[in-house]
Amino acid sequence: MLMNKMREAAAKEGYECMIHAYSVSQAKTAAADADCILIGPQVRYEKENVEKQCPQVPVAVIDMVSYGRLDGAKVLAAAKKLMGD
């Protein structure tokens, strides 16, 4: 659901991007085409592991409040900041 909210927020602001959701075990494969990786707060303990698997891609944990509120605009803003946009 959060992914859809992020897509809606991107469309609303005219920000062209592709947003996908994968399991942590798929991070290395998915990172081949990724500009950043956001991890759900429930698996924040995997952040270091994902960073090691995907050293070329910035990785961050989604803020728990934004995640819980399904605040797609806020999570999209965090992703843009992580990418330097």
PDB file of N, CA and C in Angstrom:
ATOM      1  N   MET A   1       0.814  -1.187   0.000  1.00  0.00           N
ATOM      2  CA  MET A   1       0.000   0.000   0.000  1.00  0.00           C
ATOM      3  C   MET A   1       0.865   1.262   0.000  1.00  0.00           C
ATOM      4  N   LEU A   2       1.954   1.237   0.763  1.00  0.00           N
ATOM      5  CA  LEU A   2       2.829   2.412   0.815  1.00  0.00           C
ATOM      6  C   LEU A   2       3.416   2.694  -0.558  1.00  0.00           C
ATOM      7  N   MET A   3       3.773   1.648  -1.281  1.00  0.00           N
ATOM      8  CA  MET A   3       4.320   1.821  -2.623  1.00  0.00           C
ATOM      9  C   MET A   3       3.315   2.565  -3.503  1.00  0.00           C
ATOM     10  N   ASN A   4       2.049   2.206  -3.431  1.00  0.00           N
ATOM     11  CA  ASN A   4       1.029   2.891  -4.224  1.00  0.00           C
ATOM     12  C   ASN A   4       0.876   4.342  -3.807  1.00  0.00           C
ATOM     13  N   LYS A   5       0.960   4.596  -2.516  1.00  0.00           N
ATOM     14  CA  LYS A   5       0.875   5.983  -2.015  1.00  0.00           C
ATOM     15  C   LYS A   5       2.064   6.796  -2.503  1.00  0.00           C
ATOM     16  N   MET A   6       3.227   6.177  -2.564  1.00  0.00           N
ATOM     17  CA  MET A   6       4.409   6.869  -3.083  1.00  0.00           C
ATOM     18  C   MET A   6       4.236   7.174  -4.570  1.00  0.00           C
ATOM     19  N   ARG A   7       3.705   6.230  -5.301  1.00  0.00           N
ATOM     20  CA  ARG A   7       3.454   6.450  -6.733  1.00  0.00           C
ATOM     21  C   ARG A   7       2.464   7.597  -6.933  1.00  0.00           C
ATOM     22  N   GLU A   8       1.405   7.627  -6.123  1.00  0.00           N
ATOM     23  CA  GLU A   8       0.421   8.716  -6.208  1.00  0.00           C
ATOM     24  C   GLU A   8       1.075  10.064  -5.908  1.00  0.00           C
ATOM     25  N   ALA A   9       1.917  10.100  -4.898  1.00  0.00           N
ATOM     26  CA  ALA A   9       2.604  11.345  -4.528  1.00  0.00           C
ATOM     27  C   ALA A   9       3.525  11.803  -5.654  1.00  0.00           C
ATOM     28  N   ALA A  10       4.227  10.870  -6.275  1.00  0.00           N
ATOM     29  CA  ALA A  10       5.126  11.203  -7.380  1.00  0.00           C
ATOM     30  C   ALA A  10       4.330  11.761  -8.561  1.00  0.00           C
ATOM     31  N   ALA A  11       3.225  11.129  -8.884  1.00  0.00           N
ATOM     32  CA  ALA A  11       2.390  11.593  -9.997  1.00  0.00           C
ATOM     33  C   ALA A  11       1.831  12.983  -9.707  1.00  0.00           C
ATOM     34  N   LYS A  12       1.423  13.200  -8.472  1.00  0.00           N
ATOM     35  CA  LYS A  12       0.843  14.488  -8.076  1.00  0.00           C
ATOM     36  C   LYS A  12       1.848  15.630  -8.244  1.00  0.00           C
ATOM     37  N   GLU A  13       3.113  15.359  -7.952  1.00  0.00           N
ATOM     38  CA  GLU A  13       4.125  16.414  -8.085  1.00  0.00           C
ATOM     39  C   GLU A  13       4.856  16.374  -9.426  1.00  0.00           C
ATOM     40  N   GLY A  14       4.438  15.461 -10.306  1.00  0.00           N
ATOM     41  CA  GLY A  14       5.046  15.381 -11.627  1.00  0.00           C
ATOM     42  C   GLY A  14       6.461  14.844 -11.608  1.00  0.00           C
ATOM     43  N   TYR A  15       6.781  14.051 -10.628  1.00  0.00           N
ATOM     44  CA  TYR A  15       8.117  13.469 -10.476  1.00  0.00           C
ATOM     45  C   TYR A  15       8.136  12.109 -11.159  1.00  0.00           C
ATOM     46  N   GLU A  16       8.928  11.996 -12.202  1.00  0.00           N
ATOM     47  CA  GLU A  16       9.009  10.738 -12.940  1.00  0.00           C
ATOM     48  C   GLU A  16       9.948   9.775 -12.230  1.00  0.00           C
ATOM     49  N   CYS A  17       9.405   8.625 -11.872  1.00  0.00           N
ATOM     50  CA  CYS A  17      10.218   7.608 -11.201  1.00  0.00           C
ATOM     51  C   CYS A  17       9.515   6.264 -11.286  1.00  0.00           C
ATOM     52  N   MET A  18      10.248   5.243 -10.958  1.00  0.00           N
ATOM     53  CA  MET A  18       9.692   3.897 -10.859  1.00  0.00           C
ATOM     54  C   MET A  18       9.880   3.433  -9.422  1.00  0.00           C
ATOM     55  N   ILE A  19       8.819   2.963  -8.830  1.00  0.00           N
ATOM     56  CA  ILE A  19       8.856   2.527  -7.431  1.00  0.00           C
ATOM     57  C   ILE A  19       8.402   1.070  -7.379  1.00  0.00           C
ATOM     58  N   HIS A  20       9.249   0.229  -6.792  1.00  0.00           N
ATOM     59  CA  HIS A  20       8.947  -1.195  -6.686  1.00  0.00           C
ATOM     60  C   HIS A  20       9.184  -1.662  -5.255  1.00  0.00           C
ATOM     61  N   ALA A  21       8.537  -2.748  -4.902  1.00  0.00           N
ATOM     62  CA  ALA A  21       8.737  -3.355  -3.583  1.00  0.00           C
ATOM     63  C   ALA A  21       9.294  -4.766  -3.757  1.00  0.00           C
ATOM     64  N   TYR A  22      10.304  -5.073  -2.981  1.00  0.00           N
ATOM     65  CA  TYR A  22      10.933  -6.389  -3.008  1.00  0.00           C
ATOM     66  C   TYR A  22      11.205  -6.833  -1.575  1.00  0.00           C
ATOM     67  N   SER A  23      11.423  -8.114  -1.419  1.00  0.00           N
ATOM     68  CA  SER A  23      11.832  -8.616  -0.109  1.00  0.00           C
ATOM     69  C   SER A  23      13.309  -8.280   0.090  1.00  0.00           C
ATOM     70  N   VAL A  24      13.760  -8.286   1.315  1.00  0.00           N
ATOM     71  CA  VAL A  24      15.161  -8.005   1.618  1.00  0.00           C
ATOM     72  C   VAL A  24      16.068  -9.018   0.921  1.00  0.00           C
ATOM     73  N   SER A  25      15.606 -10.242   0.809  1.00  0.00           N
ATOM     74  CA  SER A  25      16.429 -11.266   0.155  1.00  0.00           C
ATOM     75  C   SER A  25      16.627 -10.990  -1.333  1.00  0.00           C
ATOM     76  N   GLN A  26      15.815 -10.148  -1.920  1.00  0.00           N
ATOM     77  CA  GLN A  26      15.931  -9.799  -3.336  1.00  0.00           C
ATOM     78  C   GLN A  26      16.702  -8.493  -3.552  1.00  0.00           C
ATOM     79  N   ALA A  27      17.209  -7.889  -2.499  1.00  0.00           N
ATOM     80  CA  ALA A  27      17.846  -6.571  -2.592  1.00  0.00           C
ATOM     81  C   ALA A  27      18.986  -6.537  -3.603  1.00  0.00           C
ATOM     82  N   LYS A  28      19.862  -7.509  -3.553  1.00  0.00           N
ATOM     83  CA  LYS A  28      21.024  -7.491  -4.442  1.00  0.00           C
ATOM     84  C   LYS A  28      20.604  -7.537  -5.911  1.00  0.00           C
ATOM     85  N   THR A  29      19.649  -8.361  -6.244  1.00  0.00           N
ATOM     86  CA  THR A  29      19.158  -8.458  -7.620  1.00  0.00           C
ATOM     87  C   THR A  29      18.437  -7.178  -8.030  1.00  0.00           C
ATOM     88  N   ALA A  30      17.569  -6.683  -7.169  1.00  0.00           N
ATOM     89  CA  ALA A  30      16.786  -5.484  -7.472  1.00  0.00           C
ATOM     90  C   ALA A  30      17.664  -4.239  -7.569  1.00  0.00           C
ATOM     91  N   ALA A  31      18.771  -4.215  -6.851  1.00  0.00           N
ATOM     92  CA  ALA A  31      19.642  -3.035  -6.814  1.00  0.00           C
ATOM     93  C   ALA A  31      20.323  -2.765  -8.142  1.00  0.00           C
ATOM     94  N   ALA A  32      20.336  -3.724  -9.032  1.00  0.00           N
ATOM     95  CA  ALA A  32      20.984  -3.526 -10.328  1.00  0.00           C
ATOM     96  C   ALA A  32      20.399  -2.338 -11.072  1.00  0.00           C
ATOM     97  N   ASP A  33      19.112  -2.074 -10.884  1.00  0.00           N
ATOM     98  CA  ASP A  33      18.441  -0.972 -11.564  1.00  0.00           C
ATOM     99  C   ASP A  33      17.974   0.126 -10.602  1.00  0.00           C
ATOM    100  N   ALA A  34      18.378   0.053  -9.354  1.00  0.00           N
ATOM    101  CA  ALA A  34      17.859   0.982  -8.345  1.00  0.00           C
ATOM    102  C   ALA A  34      18.759   2.205  -8.149  1.00  0.00           C
ATOM    103  N   ASP A  35      18.116   3.333  -7.854  1.00  0.00           N
ATOM    104  CA  ASP A  35      18.841   4.549  -7.495  1.00  0.00           C
ATOM    105  C   ASP A  35      18.943   4.689  -5.983  1.00  0.00           C
ATOM    106  N   CYS A  36      18.048   4.018  -5.265  1.00  0.00           N
ATOM    107  CA  CYS A  36      18.125   3.959  -3.800  1.00  0.00           C
ATOM    108  C   CYS A  36      17.297   2.775  -3.326  1.00  0.00           C
ATOM    109  N   ILE A  37      17.552   2.390  -2.090  1.00  0.00           N
ATOM    110  CA  ILE A  37      16.814   1.289  -1.466  1.00  0.00           C
ATOM    111  C   ILE A  37      16.288   1.795  -0.134  1.00  0.00           C
ATOM    112  N   LEU A  38      14.979   1.650   0.060  1.00  0.00           N
ATOM    113  CA  LEU A  38      14.353   1.985   1.336  1.00  0.00           C
ATOM    114  C   LEU A  38      13.901   0.689   1.991  1.00  0.00           C
ATOM    115  N   ILE A  39      14.210   0.565   3.270  1.00  0.00           N
ATOM    116  CA  ILE A  39      13.883  -0.648   4.012  1.00  0.00           C
ATOM    117  C   ILE A  39      12.802  -0.323   5.030  1.00  0.00           C
ATOM    118  N   GLY A  40      11.830  -1.198   5.148  1.00  0.00           N
ATOM    119  CA  GLY A  40      10.775  -1.015   6.139  1.00  0.00           C
ATOM    120  C   GLY A  40      11.334  -1.059   7.547  1.00  0.00           C
ATOM    121  N   PRO A  41      10.734  -0.305   8.465  1.00  0.00           N
ATOM    122  CA  PRO A  41      11.262  -0.249   9.836  1.00  0.00           C
ATOM    123  C   PRO A  41      11.246  -1.593  10.555  1.00  0.00           C
ATOM    124  N   GLN A  42      10.386  -2.501  10.139  1.00  0.00           N
ATOM    125  CA  GLN A  42      10.313  -3.811  10.787  1.00  0.00           C
ATOM    126  C   GLN A  42      11.515  -4.687  10.468  1.00  0.00           C
ATOM    127  N   VAL A  43      12.286  -4.327   9.429  1.00  0.00           N
ATOM    128  CA  VAL A  43      13.496  -5.085   9.090  1.00  0.00           C
ATOM    129  C   VAL A  43      14.728  -4.176   9.108  1.00  0.00           C
ATOM    130  N   ARG A  44      14.693  -3.151   9.933  1.00  0.00           N
ATOM    131  CA  ARG A  44      15.814  -2.200  10.019  1.00  0.00           C
ATOM    132  C   ARG A  44      17.127  -2.894  10.361  1.00  0.00           C
ATOM    133  N   TYR A  45      17.049  -4.025  11.060  1.00  0.00           N
ATOM    134  CA  TYR A  45      18.260  -4.781  11.424  1.00  0.00           C
ATOM    135  C   TYR A  45      18.990  -5.316  10.185  1.00  0.00           C
ATOM    136  N   GLU A  46      18.342  -5.329   9.018  1.00  0.00           N
ATOM    137  CA  GLU A  46      18.944  -5.817   7.773  1.00  0.00           C
ATOM    138  C   GLU A  46      19.699  -4.724   7.014  1.00  0.00           C
ATOM    139  N   LYS A  47      19.642  -3.488   7.476  1.00  0.00           N
ATOM    140  CA  LYS A  47      20.232  -2.362   6.741  1.00  0.00           C
ATOM    141  C   LYS A  47      21.708  -2.590   6.426  1.00  0.00           C
ATOM    142  N   GLU A  48      22.480  -2.954   7.409  1.00  0.00           N
ATOM    143  CA  GLU A  48      23.915  -3.161   7.198  1.00  0.00           C
ATOM    144  C   GLU A  48      24.167  -4.284   6.186  1.00  0.00           C
ATOM    145  N   ASN A  49      23.389  -5.333   6.270  1.00  0.00           N
ATOM    146  CA  ASN A  49      23.510  -6.448   5.328  1.00  0.00           C
ATOM    147  C   ASN A  49      23.203  -5.990   3.893  1.00  0.00           C
ATOM    148  N   VAL A  50      22.150  -5.215   3.722  1.00  0.00           N
ATOM    149  CA  VAL A  50      21.785  -4.715   2.392  1.00  0.00           C
ATOM    150  C   VAL A  50      22.860  -3.765   1.875  1.00  0.00           C
ATOM    151  N   GLU A  51      23.399  -2.920   2.738  1.00  0.00           N
ATOM    152  CA  GLU A  51      24.464  -2.004   2.321  1.00  0.00           C
ATOM    153  C   GLU A  51      25.688  -2.766   1.827  1.00  0.00           C
ATOM    154  N   LYS A  52      26.002  -3.868   2.484  1.00  0.00           N
ATOM    155  CA  LYS A  52      27.145  -4.689   2.062  1.00  0.00           C
ATOM    156  C   LYS A  52      26.871  -5.363   0.716  1.00  0.00           C
ATOM    157  N   GLN A  53      25.647  -5.816   0.514  1.00  0.00           N
ATOM    158  CA  GLN A  53      25.280  -6.485  -0.731  1.00  0.00           C
ATOM    159  C   GLN A  53      25.164  -5.505  -1.900  1.00  0.00           C
ATOM    160  N   CYS A  54      24.826  -4.251  -1.595  1.00  0.00           N
ATOM    161  CA  CYS A  54      24.542  -3.254  -2.631  1.00  0.00           C
ATOM    162  C   CYS A  54      25.348  -1.975  -2.373  1.00  0.00           C
ATOM    163  N   PRO A  55      26.678  -2.051  -2.397  1.00  0.00           N
ATOM    164  CA  PRO A  55      27.483  -0.888  -2.021  1.00  0.00           C
ATOM    165  C   PRO A  55      27.345   0.312  -2.960  1.00  0.00           C
ATOM    166  N   GLN A  56      26.852   0.096  -4.163  1.00  0.00           N
ATOM    167  CA  GLN A  56      26.724   1.174  -5.127  1.00  0.00           C
ATOM    168  C   GLN A  56      25.411   1.956  -4.984  1.00  0.00           C
ATOM    169  N   VAL A  57      24.516   1.520  -4.096  1.00  0.00           N
ATOM    170  CA  VAL A  57      23.194   2.123  -3.961  1.00  0.00           C
ATOM    171  C   VAL A  57      23.004   2.633  -2.532  1.00  0.00           C
ATOM    172  N   PRO A  58      22.558   3.898  -2.373  1.00  0.00           N
ATOM    173  CA  PRO A  58      22.285   4.389  -1.020  1.00  0.00           C
ATOM    174  C   PRO A  58      21.090   3.651  -0.398  1.00  0.00           C
ATOM    175  N   VAL A  59      21.217   3.355   0.892  1.00  0.00           N
ATOM    176  CA  VAL A  59      20.198   2.580   1.612  1.00  0.00           C
ATOM    177  C   VAL A  59      19.763   3.360   2.848  1.00  0.00           C
ATOM    178  N   ALA A  60      18.471   3.372   3.122  1.00  0.00           N
ATOM    179  CA  ALA A  60      17.945   4.027   4.330  1.00  0.00           C
ATOM    180  C   ALA A  60      16.753   3.235   4.845  1.00  0.00           C
ATOM    181  N   VAL A  61      16.461   3.418   6.126  1.00  0.00           N
ATOM    182  CA  VAL A  61      15.292   2.815   6.750  1.00  0.00           C
ATOM    183  C   VAL A  61      14.169   3.848   6.727  1.00  0.00           C
ATOM    184  N   ILE A  62      12.988   3.421   6.324  1.00  0.00           N
ATOM    185  CA  ILE A  62      11.827   4.311   6.294  1.00  0.00           C
ATOM    186  C   ILE A  62      11.451   4.682   7.723  1.00  0.00           C
ATOM    187  N   ASP A  63      11.184   5.957   7.921  1.00  0.00           N
ATOM    188  CA  ASP A  63      10.736   6.467   9.215  1.00  0.00           C
ATOM    189  C   ASP A  63       9.481   5.703   9.659  1.00  0.00           C
ATOM    190  N   MET A  64       9.479   5.252  10.905  1.00  0.00           N
ATOM    191  CA  MET A  64       8.393   4.428  11.419  1.00  0.00           C
ATOM    192  C   MET A  64       7.038   5.135  11.375  1.00  0.00           C
ATOM    193  N   VAL A  65       7.007   6.413  11.693  1.00  0.00           N
ATOM    194  CA  VAL A  65       5.745   7.159  11.689  1.00  0.00           C
ATOM    195  C   VAL A  65       5.210   7.279  10.266  1.00  0.00           C
ATOM    196  N   SER A  66       6.076   7.648   9.326  1.00  0.00           N
ATOM    197  CA  SER A  66       5.661   7.767   7.920  1.00  0.00           C
ATOM    198  C   SER A  66       5.188   6.429   7.387  1.00  0.00           C
ATOM    199  N   TYR A  67       5.874   5.366   7.759  1.00  0.00           N
ATOM    200  CA  TYR A  67       5.505   4.017   7.341  1.00  0.00           C
ATOM    201  C   TYR A  67       4.131   3.651   7.902  1.00  0.00           C
ATOM    202  N   GLY A  68       3.952   3.877   9.179  1.00  0.00           N
ATOM    203  CA  GLY A  68       2.691   3.537   9.838  1.00  0.00           C
ATOM    204  C   GLY A  68       1.515   4.336   9.317  1.00  0.00           C
ATOM    205  N   ARG A  69       1.742   5.570   8.933  1.00  0.00           N
ATOM    206  CA  ARG A  69       0.679   6.431   8.406  1.00  0.00           C
ATOM    207  C   ARG A  69       0.493   6.276   6.907  1.00  0.00           C
ATOM    208  N   LEU A  70       1.304   5.428   6.292  1.00  0.00           N
ATOM    209  CA  LEU A  70       1.285   5.259   4.833  1.00  0.00           C
ATOM    210  C   LEU A  70       1.414   6.611   4.139  1.00  0.00           C
ATOM    211  N   ASP A  71       2.346   7.414   4.638  1.00  0.00           N
ATOM    212  CA  ASP A  71       2.562   8.758   4.106  1.00  0.00           C
ATOM    213  C   ASP A  71       3.514   8.687   2.911  1.00  0.00           C
ATOM    214  N   GLY A  72       2.939   8.402   1.756  1.00  0.00           N
ATOM    215  CA  GLY A  72       3.722   8.248   0.542  1.00  0.00           C
ATOM    216  C   GLY A  72       4.523   9.482   0.174  1.00  0.00           C
ATOM    217  N   ALA A  73       3.949  10.652   0.407  1.00  0.00           N
ATOM    218  CA  ALA A  73       4.650  11.897   0.066  1.00  0.00           C
ATOM    219  C   ALA A  73       5.903  12.063   0.922  1.00  0.00           C
ATOM    220  N   LYS A  74       5.801  11.752   2.188  1.00  0.00           N
ATOM    221  CA  LYS A  74       6.948  11.905   3.079  1.00  0.00           C
ATOM    222  C   LYS A  74       8.039  10.875   2.764  1.00  0.00           C
ATOM    223  N   VAL A  75       7.644   9.663   2.474  1.00  0.00           N
ATOM    224  CA  VAL A  75       8.618   8.629   2.156  1.00  0.00           C
ATOM    225  C   VAL A  75       9.272   8.931   0.801  1.00  0.00           C
ATOM    226  N   LEU A  76       8.494   9.427  -0.147  1.00  0.00           N
ATOM    227  CA  LEU A  76       9.059   9.828  -1.434  1.00  0.00           C
ATOM    228  C   LEU A  76      10.066  10.954  -1.241  1.00  0.00           C
ATOM    229  N   ALA A  77       9.741  11.918  -0.400  1.00  0.00           N
ATOM    230  CA  ALA A  77      10.659  13.028  -0.113  1.00  0.00           C
ATOM    231  C   ALA A  77      11.954  12.497   0.497  1.00  0.00           C
ATOM    232  N   ALA A  78      11.846  11.512   1.368  1.00  0.00           N
ATOM    233  CA  ALA A  78      13.058  10.910   1.974  1.00  0.00           C
ATOM    234  C   ALA A  78      13.892  10.209   0.916  1.00  0.00           C
ATOM    235  N   ALA A  79      13.241   9.522  -0.011  1.00  0.00           N
ATOM    236  CA  ALA A  79      13.967   8.838  -1.092  1.00  0.00           C
ATOM    237  C   ALA A  79      14.677   9.858  -1.982  1.00  0.00           C
ATOM    238  N   LYS A  80      13.994  10.942  -2.302  1.00  0.00           N
ATOM    239  CA  LYS A  80      14.592  11.988  -3.141  1.00  0.00           C
ATOM    240  C   LYS A  80      15.794  12.600  -2.444  1.00  0.00           C
ATOM    241  N   LYS A  81      15.684  12.823  -1.165  1.00  0.00           N
ATOM    242  CA  LYS A  81      16.814  13.376  -0.407  1.00  0.00           C
ATOM    243  C   LYS A  81      17.987  12.399  -0.397  1.00  0.00           C
ATOM    244  N   LEU A  82      17.693  11.121  -0.220  1.00  0.00           N
ATOM    245  CA  LEU A  82      18.725  10.083  -0.206  1.00  0.00           C
ATOM    246  C   LEU A  82      19.475  10.044  -1.541  1.00  0.00           C
ATOM    247  N   MET A  83      18.742  10.301  -2.630  1.00  0.00           N
ATOM    248  CA  MET A  83      19.353  10.289  -3.962  1.00  0.00           C
ATOM    249  C   MET A  83      19.979  11.626  -4.354  1.00  0.00           C
ATOM    250  N   GLY A  84      19.753  12.641  -3.513  1.00  0.00           N
ATOM    251  CA  GLY A  84      20.300  13.954  -3.822  1.00  0.00           C
ATOM    252  C   GLY A  84      19.454  14.767  -4.771  1.00  0.00           C
ATOM    253  N   ASP A  85      18.178  14.385  -4.928  1.00  0.00           N
ATOM    254  CA  ASP A  85      17.241  15.123  -5.785  1.00  0.00           C
ATOM    255  C   ASP A  85      16.595  16.262  -5.029  1.00  0.00           C
TER     256      ASP A  85
END
